[in-house]
Amino acid sequence: MGFQKTNAKDLFIALVGAIVITTSLAIIYFYVLPAVGLGDLGKFDQLLATPFWWRVISVVRAGVSEEIMFRG
């Protein structure tokens, strides 16, 4: 990897990446979460109503899959 001088191409890629990530998160927050019934923070209790083992498996699976994708 190493250190390099930042150029216009790198800044452009970073800006486009930031816009894509922000737009994706907005779509998830405003459209996907309400579609699955988690759009209202008051409905967060529904998520907590799931069995503890299910939540643990979900968290572990997310962490393991991220490590595999980014390090593998």
C-alpha atoms as a PDB file:
ATOM      1  CA  MET A   1       0.000   0.000   0.000  1.00  0.00           C
ATOM      2  CA  GLY A   2       2.262   2.848   1.102  1.00  0.00           C
ATOM      3  CA  PHE A   3       1.763   6.579   1.179  1.00  0.00           C
ATOM      4  CA  GLN A   4       1.091   8.570  -1.965  1.00  0.00           C
ATOM      5  CA  LYS A   5       0.298  12.114  -2.830  1.00  0.00           C
ATOM      6  CA  THR A   6      -3.451  12.677  -3.180  1.00  0.00           C
ATOM      7  CA  ASN A   7      -4.541  13.608  -6.682  1.00  0.00           C
ATOM      8  CA  ALA A   8      -7.806  14.725  -8.256  1.00  0.00           C
ATOM      9  CA  LYS A   9      -8.724  11.183  -9.322  1.00  0.00           C
ATOM     10  CA  ASP A  10      -8.465   9.915  -5.730  1.00  0.00           C
ATOM     11  CA  LEU A  11     -10.599  12.776  -4.427  1.00  0.00           C
ATOM     12  CA  PHE A  12     -13.196  12.144  -7.124  1.00  0.00           C
ATOM     13  CA  ILE A  13     -13.382   8.427  -6.270  1.00  0.00           C
ATOM     14  CA  ALA A  14     -13.707   9.267  -2.562  1.00  0.00           C
ATOM     15  CA  LEU A  15     -16.484  11.771  -3.249  1.00  0.00           C
ATOM     16  CA  VAL A  16     -18.415   9.364  -5.475  1.00  0.00           C
ATOM     17  CA  GLY A  17     -17.993   6.609  -2.882  1.00  0.00           C
ATOM     18  CA  ALA A  18     -19.285   8.878  -0.114  1.00  0.00           C
ATOM     19  CA  ILE A  19     -22.329   9.850  -2.201  1.00  0.00           C
ATOM     20  CA  VAL A  20     -23.099   6.205  -3.066  1.00  0.00           C
ATOM     21  CA  ILE A  21     -22.791   5.082   0.562  1.00  0.00           C
ATOM     22  CA  THR A  22     -24.901   7.974   1.879  1.00  0.00           C
ATOM     23  CA  THR A  23     -27.583   7.396  -0.755  1.00  0.00           C
ATOM     24  CA  SER A  24     -27.649   3.667  -0.048  1.00  0.00           C
ATOM     25  CA  LEU A  25     -28.037   4.236   3.690  1.00  0.00           C
ATOM     26  CA  ALA A  26     -30.826   6.748   3.075  1.00  0.00           C
ATOM     27  CA  ILE A  27     -32.680   4.266   0.866  1.00  0.00           C
ATOM     28  CA  ILE A  28     -32.328   1.570   3.503  1.00  0.00           C
ATOM     29  CA  TYR A  29     -33.488   3.890   6.293  1.00  0.00           C
ATOM     30  CA  PHE A  30     -36.418   5.491   4.473  1.00  0.00           C
ATOM     31  CA  TYR A  31     -37.662   2.601   2.298  1.00  0.00           C
ATOM     32  CA  VAL A  32     -36.331  -0.818   3.311  1.00  0.00           C
ATOM     33  CA  LEU A  33     -36.709  -0.557   7.087  1.00  0.00           C
ATOM     34  CA  PRO A  34     -40.328   0.687   6.905  1.00  0.00           C
ATOM     35  CA  ALA A  35     -41.116  -2.082   4.397  1.00  0.00           C
ATOM     36  CA  VAL A  36     -40.037  -4.747   6.896  1.00  0.00           C
ATOM     37  CA  GLY A  37     -41.771  -3.056   9.800  1.00  0.00           C
ATOM     38  CA  LEU A  38     -38.742  -1.472  11.472  1.00  0.00           C
ATOM     39  CA  GLY A  39     -39.159   2.074  10.185  1.00  0.00           C
ATOM     40  CA  ASP A  40     -40.541   3.418  13.432  1.00  0.00           C
ATOM     41  CA  LEU A  41     -38.185   3.440  16.398  1.00  0.00           C
ATOM     42  CA  GLY A  42     -41.124   2.374  18.565  1.00  0.00           C
ATOM     43  CA  LYS A  43     -41.158  -0.911  16.632  1.00  0.00           C
ATOM     44  CA  PHE A  44     -37.589  -1.634  17.732  1.00  0.00           C
ATOM     45  CA  ASP A  45     -39.196  -3.668  20.499  1.00  0.00           C
ATOM     46  CA  GLN A  46     -40.210  -6.190  17.832  1.00  0.00           C
ATOM     47  CA  LEU A  47     -36.547  -6.804  17.130  1.00  0.00           C
ATOM     48  CA  LEU A  48     -35.842  -7.214  20.827  1.00  0.00           C
ATOM     49  CA  ALA A  49     -38.742  -9.664  21.048  1.00  0.00           C
ATOM     50  CA  THR A  50     -36.824 -12.171  18.929  1.00  0.00           C
ATOM     51  CA  PRO A  51     -35.070 -14.937  20.870  1.00  0.00           C
ATOM     52  CA  PHE A  52     -31.696 -14.033  22.343  1.00  0.00           C
ATOM     53  CA  TRP A  53     -29.966 -16.878  20.513  1.00  0.00           C
ATOM     54  CA  TRP A  54     -31.260 -15.518  17.187  1.00  0.00           C
ATOM     55  CA  ARG A  55     -29.783 -12.088  17.864  1.00  0.00           C
ATOM     56  CA  VAL A  56     -26.456 -13.609  18.922  1.00  0.00           C
ATOM     57  CA  ILE A  57     -26.285 -15.710  15.751  1.00  0.00           C
ATOM     58  CA  SER A  58     -27.121 -12.644  13.628  1.00  0.00           C
ATOM     59  CA  VAL A  59     -24.376 -10.548  15.205  1.00  0.00           C
ATOM     60  CA  VAL A  60     -21.755 -13.301  15.009  1.00  0.00           C
ATOM     61  CA  ARG A  61     -22.684 -14.102  11.416  1.00  0.00           C
ATOM     62  CA  ALA A  62     -22.346 -10.437  10.430  1.00  0.00           C
ATOM     63  CA  GLY A  63     -18.946 -10.112  12.080  1.00  0.00           C
ATOM     64  CA  VAL A  64     -17.576 -13.336  10.620  1.00  0.00           C
ATOM     65  CA  SER A  65     -18.850 -12.605   7.120  1.00  0.00           C
ATOM     66  CA  GLU A  66     -17.346  -9.087   7.197  1.00  0.00           C
ATOM     67  CA  GLU A  67     -13.972 -10.431   8.244  1.00  0.00           C
ATOM     68  CA  ILE A  68     -14.068 -13.080   5.533  1.00  0.00           C
ATOM     69  CA  MET A  69     -15.019 -10.536   2.861  1.00  0.00           C
ATOM     70  CA  PHE A  70     -12.511  -7.852   3.813  1.00  0.00           C
ATOM     71  CA  ARG A  71      -9.588 -10.026   4.852  1.00  0.00           C
ATOM     72  CA  GLY A  72     -10.213 -13.020   2.612  1.00  0.00           C
END
